[in-house]
């Protein structure tokens, strides 16, 4: 069992920055990768960025160069540094991990970017 709790969302003006955190607890030794997803109102949930235990990262094209995913050495906290935020980044951001065949999700944190 893995529990994920996001924090750090809020309201920011376009061009501003936010840093999201995801705290994992439970069987963290079984986590090999963690991801950030987001879901805007009326849209499907999409993958934003991912990081492996070894530190490899991937990003969706729309956030490349603006967002940075990182983790601590224990892989129990993952961060998403978001810079140069745009109104289209407004969404609920979710932390996710896959352990075996089971998906684990946090409850999400809302990011609102005003123009």
Protein backbone atom coordinates (compact mmCIF):
# COMPACT_ATOMS: atom_id res chain seq x y z
CA UNK A 1 0.00 0.00 0.00
CA UNK A 2 1.17 3.48 -0.91
CA UNK A 3 -0.37 6.79 0.13
CA UNK A 4 0.29 9.99 -1.81
CA UNK A 5 -0.44 13.51 -0.58
CA UNK A 6 0.06 16.58 -2.75
CA UNK A 7 0.58 20.13 -1.56
CA UNK A 8 1.68 23.50 -2.89
CA UNK A 9 -1.13 24.45 -5.21
CA UNK A 10 -2.70 27.88 -5.25
CA UNK A 11 -3.48 30.98 -7.25
CA UNK A 12 -0.70 32.66 -9.20
CA UNK A 13 -0.50 35.24 -11.95
CA UNK A 14 0.66 34.31 -15.41
CA UNK A 15 4.44 34.26 -15.54
CA UNK A 16 4.69 33.27 -11.90
CA UNK A 17 5.97 30.13 -10.23
CA UNK A 18 4.73 27.43 -7.92
CA UNK A 19 6.34 24.37 -6.40
CA UNK A 20 4.23 21.28 -5.85
CA UNK A 21 5.22 18.53 -3.45
CA UNK A 22 4.05 14.92 -3.26
CA UNK A 23 4.72 13.01 -0.07
CA UNK A 24 4.60 9.23 -0.32
CA UNK A 25 4.16 6.89 2.62
CA UNK A 26 3.65 3.19 3.10
CA UNK A 27 5.59 0.76 0.94
CA UNK A 28 7.86 3.38 -0.58
CA UNK A 29 10.60 0.82 -1.17
CA UNK A 30 8.39 -0.60 -3.92
CA UNK A 31 8.19 2.70 -5.82
CA UNK A 32 10.35 2.82 -8.94
CA UNK A 33 8.88 5.89 -10.58
CA UNK A 34 6.47 8.71 -9.80
CA UNK A 35 4.55 11.04 -12.05
CA UNK A 36 2.61 14.26 -12.04
CA UNK A 37 -0.64 14.36 -13.97
CA UNK A 38 -3.07 17.20 -14.36
CA UNK A 39 -6.72 17.52 -15.26
CA UNK A 40 -8.25 20.76 -16.43
CA UNK A 41 -11.99 21.33 -16.19
CA UNK A 42 -13.77 19.42 -18.92
CA UNK A 43 -10.60 17.73 -20.16
CA UNK A 44 -8.97 14.36 -19.76
CA UNK A 45 -6.24 13.79 -17.25
CA UNK A 46 -2.81 14.11 -18.88
CA UNK A 47 0.71 13.17 -17.92
CA UNK A 48 2.83 16.22 -17.14
CA UNK A 49 6.16 14.81 -15.96
CA UNK A 50 7.70 11.65 -14.55
CA UNK A 51 10.83 10.63 -12.71
CA UNK A 52 12.39 7.26 -11.98
CA UNK A 53 14.24 6.15 -8.87
CA UNK A 54 17.43 6.47 -10.93
CA UNK A 55 16.62 10.07 -11.75
CA UNK A 56 15.54 9.80 -15.36
CA UNK A 57 12.87 12.32 -16.24
CA UNK A 58 10.31 12.91 -18.96
CA UNK A 59 7.99 15.81 -19.72
CA UNK A 60 5.04 16.51 -21.92
CA UNK A 61 5.93 18.94 -24.69
CA UNK A 62 3.78 21.78 -23.38
CA UNK A 63 5.77 22.09 -20.13
CA UNK A 64 9.25 21.34 -21.45
CA UNK A 65 11.67 24.03 -20.32
CA UNK A 66 9.23 25.49 -17.82
CA UNK A 67 8.59 22.64 -15.36
CA UNK A 68 11.15 20.57 -13.50
CA UNK A 69 10.44 17.33 -11.67
CA UNK A 70 12.78 16.20 -8.91
CA UNK A 71 12.84 13.84 -5.95
CA UNK A 72 14.60 13.30 -2.70
CA UNK A 73 17.10 10.49 -2.26
CA UNK A 74 14.58 8.26 -0.50
CA UNK A 75 11.98 8.55 -3.28
CA UNK A 76 9.37 9.47 -0.71
CA UNK A 77 8.97 13.05 -1.85
CA UNK A 78 8.66 14.28 -5.42
CA UNK A 79 8.52 17.91 -6.46
CA UNK A 80 7.26 19.78 -9.49
CA UNK A 81 8.79 23.22 -9.92
CA UNK A 82 6.58 25.18 -12.27
CA UNK A 83 7.93 28.39 -13.78
CA UNK A 84 6.57 30.77 -16.40
CA UNK A 85 3.07 29.57 -15.65
CA UNK A 86 0.35 30.15 -18.22
CA UNK A 87 -3.44 30.26 -17.83
CA UNK A 88 -3.61 26.97 -19.73
CA UNK A 89 -1.65 25.33 -16.89
CA UNK A 90 -4.72 25.77 -14.69
CA UNK A 91 -5.75 22.32 -13.50
CA UNK A 92 -5.88 19.94 -10.60
CA UNK A 93 -2.46 18.34 -10.33
CA UNK A 94 -2.22 14.73 -9.18
CA UNK A 95 0.69 12.66 -7.99
CA UNK A 96 0.75 9.07 -9.26
CA UNK A 97 2.75 5.91 -8.99
CA UNK A 98 2.36 2.40 -10.33
CA UNK A 99 3.38 -0.48 -8.08
CA UNK A 100 3.03 -3.82 -9.79
CA UNK A 101 -0.32 -3.56 -11.52
CA UNK A 102 -1.85 -1.18 -9.02
CA UNK A 103 -2.16 2.55 -9.62
CA UNK A 104 -1.96 4.92 -6.68
CA UNK A 105 -3.20 8.51 -6.86
CA UNK A 106 -3.20 11.44 -4.53
CA UNK A 107 -6.31 13.57 -4.07
CA UNK A 108 -4.86 16.42 -6.08
CA UNK A 109 -3.94 20.04 -5.57
CA UNK A 110 -5.51 22.89 -7.52
CA UNK A 111 -3.34 25.26 -9.51
CA UNK A 112 -5.02 28.36 -10.89
CA UNK A 113 -3.12 30.71 -13.17
CA UNK A 114 -4.75 34.07 -13.77
CA UNK A 115 -4.12 36.10 -16.90
